[in-house]
C-alpha atoms as a PDB file:
ATOM      1  CA  MET A   1      72.513  93.642 125.057  1.00  0.00           C
ATOM      2  CA  ARG A   2      73.396  93.814 121.377  1.00  0.00           C
ATOM      3  CA  HIS A   3      75.408  96.981 121.972  1.00  0.00           C
ATOM      4  CA  GLU A   4      77.652  95.202 124.480  1.00  0.00           C
ATOM      5  CA  LYS A   5      78.298  92.326 122.080  1.00  0.00           C
ATOM      6  CA  GLU A   6      79.128  94.745 119.261  1.00  0.00           C
ATOM      7  CA  LYS A   7      81.482  96.625 121.574  1.00  0.00           C
ATOM      8  CA  LEU A   8      83.174  93.354 122.519  1.00  0.00           C
ATOM      9  CA  LEU A   9      83.579  92.289 118.880  1.00  0.00           C
ATOM     10  CA  LYS A  10      84.888  95.727 117.921  1.00  0.00           C
ATOM     11  CA  GLU A  11      87.615  95.485 120.558  1.00  0.00           C
ATOM     12  CA  GLU A  12      88.519  91.887 119.681  1.00  0.00           C
ATOM     13  CA  LEU A  13      88.896  92.756 115.993  1.00  0.00           C
ATOM     14  CA  ARG A  14      90.911  95.870 116.870  1.00  0.00           C
ATOM     15  CA  ILE A  15      93.325  93.783 118.924  1.00  0.00           C
ATOM     16  CA  LEU A  16      93.518  91.189 116.147  1.00  0.00           C
ATOM     17  CA  ALA A  17      94.309  93.886 113.578  1.00  0.00           C
ATOM     18  CA  ILE A  18      97.070  95.402 115.706  1.00  0.00           C
ATOM     19  CA  THR A  19      98.674  92.091 116.649  1.00  0.00           C
ATOM     20  CA  THR A  20      98.479  90.862 113.055  1.00  0.00           C
ATOM     21  CA  ARG A  21     100.114  94.019 111.732  1.00  0.00           C
ATOM     22  CA  ASP A  22     102.833  93.792 114.391  1.00  0.00           C
ATOM     23  CA  ARG A  23     103.431  90.082 113.738  1.00  0.00           C
ATOM     24  CA  LEU A  24     103.779  90.696 110.007  1.00  0.00           C
ATOM     25  CA  GLY A  25     105.938  93.803 110.544  1.00  0.00           C
ATOM     26  CA  LEU A  26     103.677  95.953 108.380  1.00  0.00           C
ATOM     27  CA  THR A  27     102.932  99.659 108.429  1.00  0.00           C
ATOM     28  CA  GLN A  28      99.324 100.797 108.552  1.00  0.00           C
ATOM     29  CA  LYS A  29      99.593 101.653 104.850  1.00  0.00           C
ATOM     30  CA  GLU A  30     100.789  98.126 104.011  1.00  0.00           C
ATOM     31  CA  MET A  31      98.103  96.601 106.201  1.00  0.00           C
ATOM     32  CA  ASP A  32      95.321  98.597 104.579  1.00  0.00           C
ATOM     33  CA  ARG A  33      96.443  97.323 101.165  1.00  0.00           C
ATOM     34  CA  ARG A  34      96.276  93.727 102.381  1.00  0.00           C
ATOM     35  CA  LEU A  35      92.772  94.355 103.670  1.00  0.00           C
ATOM     36  CA  ALA A  36      91.676  96.218 100.506  1.00  0.00           C
ATOM     37  CA  MET A  37      90.720  99.378 102.382  1.00  0.00           C
ATOM     38  CA  SER A  38      91.872 102.965 102.736  1.00  0.00           C
ATOM     39  CA  GLU A  39      94.585 103.858 105.237  1.00  0.00           C
ATOM     40  CA  SER A  40      92.235 106.135 107.151  1.00  0.00           C
ATOM     41  CA  CYS A  41      89.643 103.357 107.473  1.00  0.00           C
ATOM     42  CA  TYR A  42      92.288 100.983 108.784  1.00  0.00           C
ATOM     43  CA  SER A  43      93.544 103.609 111.216  1.00  0.00           C
ATOM     44  CA  ASP A  44      89.975 104.041 112.475  1.00  0.00           C
ATOM     45  CA  ILE A  45      89.899 100.330 113.372  1.00  0.00           C
ATOM     46  CA  GLU A  46      93.107 100.567 115.401  1.00  0.00           C
ATOM     47  CA  THR A  47      91.924 103.688 117.223  1.00  0.00           C
ATOM     48  CA  VAL A  48      88.471 102.238 117.954  1.00  0.00           C
ATOM     49  CA  CYS A  49      86.670 104.879 115.901  1.00  0.00           C
ATOM     50  CA  THR A  50      84.855 102.276 113.825  1.00  0.00           C
ATOM     51  CA  MET A  51      84.296  98.559 113.753  1.00  0.00           C
ATOM     52  CA  CYS A  52      85.598  96.372 110.932  1.00  0.00           C
ATOM     53  CA  LYS A  53      83.305  95.920 107.988  1.00  0.00           C
ATOM     54  CA  THR A  54      82.252  92.378 107.132  1.00  0.00           C
ATOM     55  CA  LEU A  55      84.962  91.786 104.524  1.00  0.00           C
ATOM     56  CA  THR A  56      87.703  92.895 106.922  1.00  0.00           C
ATOM     57  CA  ALA A  57      86.225  90.748 109.693  1.00  0.00           C
ATOM     58  CA  VAL A  58      86.541  87.753 107.360  1.00  0.00           C
ATOM     59  CA  ILE A  59      90.026  88.550 106.002  1.00  0.00           C
ATOM     60  CA  LEU A  60      91.670  89.330 109.359  1.00  0.00           C
ATOM     61  CA  PRO A  61      91.116  85.901 110.959  1.00  0.00           C
ATOM     62  CA  ASP A  62      92.153  84.293 107.681  1.00  0.00           C
ATOM     63  CA  MET A  63      95.529  86.083 107.947  1.00  0.00           C
ATOM     64  CA  GLN A  64      96.300  84.068 111.117  1.00  0.00           C
ATOM     65  CA  ASP A  65      98.324  80.876 111.305  1.00  0.00           C
ATOM     66  CA  ASP A  66      95.403  79.392 113.249  1.00  0.00           C
ATOM     67  CA  SER A  67      92.222  81.298 112.420  1.00  0.00           C
ATOM     68  CA  LYS A  68      90.153  79.035 114.661  1.00  0.00           C
ATOM     69  CA  ARG A  69      92.004  80.292 117.732  1.00  0.00           C
ATOM     70  CA  PHE A  70      90.549  83.792 117.281  1.00  0.00           C
ATOM     71  CA  LEU A  71      87.064  82.439 116.618  1.00  0.00           C
ATOM     72  CA  PHE A  72      87.093  80.157 119.684  1.00  0.00           C
ATOM     73  CA  ALA A  73      88.401  82.960 121.909  1.00  0.00           C
ATOM     74  CA  ALA A  74      85.728  85.354 120.614  1.00  0.00           C
ATOM     75  CA  LYS A  75      83.064  82.687 121.136  1.00  0.00           C
ATOM     76  CA  ALA A  76      84.173  82.222 124.747  1.00  0.00           C
ATOM     77  CA  LYS A  77      83.985  85.970 125.397  1.00  0.00           C
ATOM     78  CA  PHE A  78      80.525  86.157 123.849  1.00  0.00           C
ATOM     79  CA  LYS A  79      79.403  83.273 126.048  1.00  0.00           C
ATOM     80  CA  GLU A  80      80.765  85.052 129.116  1.00  0.00           C
ATOM     81  CA  GLN A  81      78.957  88.256 128.101  1.00  0.00           C
ATOM     82  CA  TYR A  82      75.735  86.329 127.531  1.00  0.00           C
ATOM     83  CA  GLU A  83      75.970  84.717 130.972  1.00  0.00           C
ATOM     84  CA  LYS A  84      76.493  88.133 132.598  1.00  0.00           C
ATOM     85  CA  GLU A  85      73.433  89.456 130.800  1.00  0.00           C
ATOM     86  CA  MET A  86      71.295  86.497 131.873  1.00  0.00           C
ATOM     87  CA  LYS A  87      72.300  86.952 135.520  1.00  0.00           C
ATOM     88  CA  ALA A  88      71.420  90.647 135.314  1.00  0.00           C
ATOM     89  CA  THR A  89      67.865  89.949 134.098  1.00  0.00           C
END
């Protein structure tokens, strides 16, 4: 069950990173500087190689005009995943 939630969060943060970078008109190199990480680490997030580290997962939502929107959407998806898991057991 935990694996599915981690997979879901990984994808949500990946999408957030890509849409944020696009909205701000930044290159990956510029985005990695804003997130205080290496370019290769940032690239790994966009290509789903790795999940965001805690600091990045805090900074990314904070870069949004409405950070609560991301958190509420993620919460809804977690709830949906939880309900699927409960039906399966």
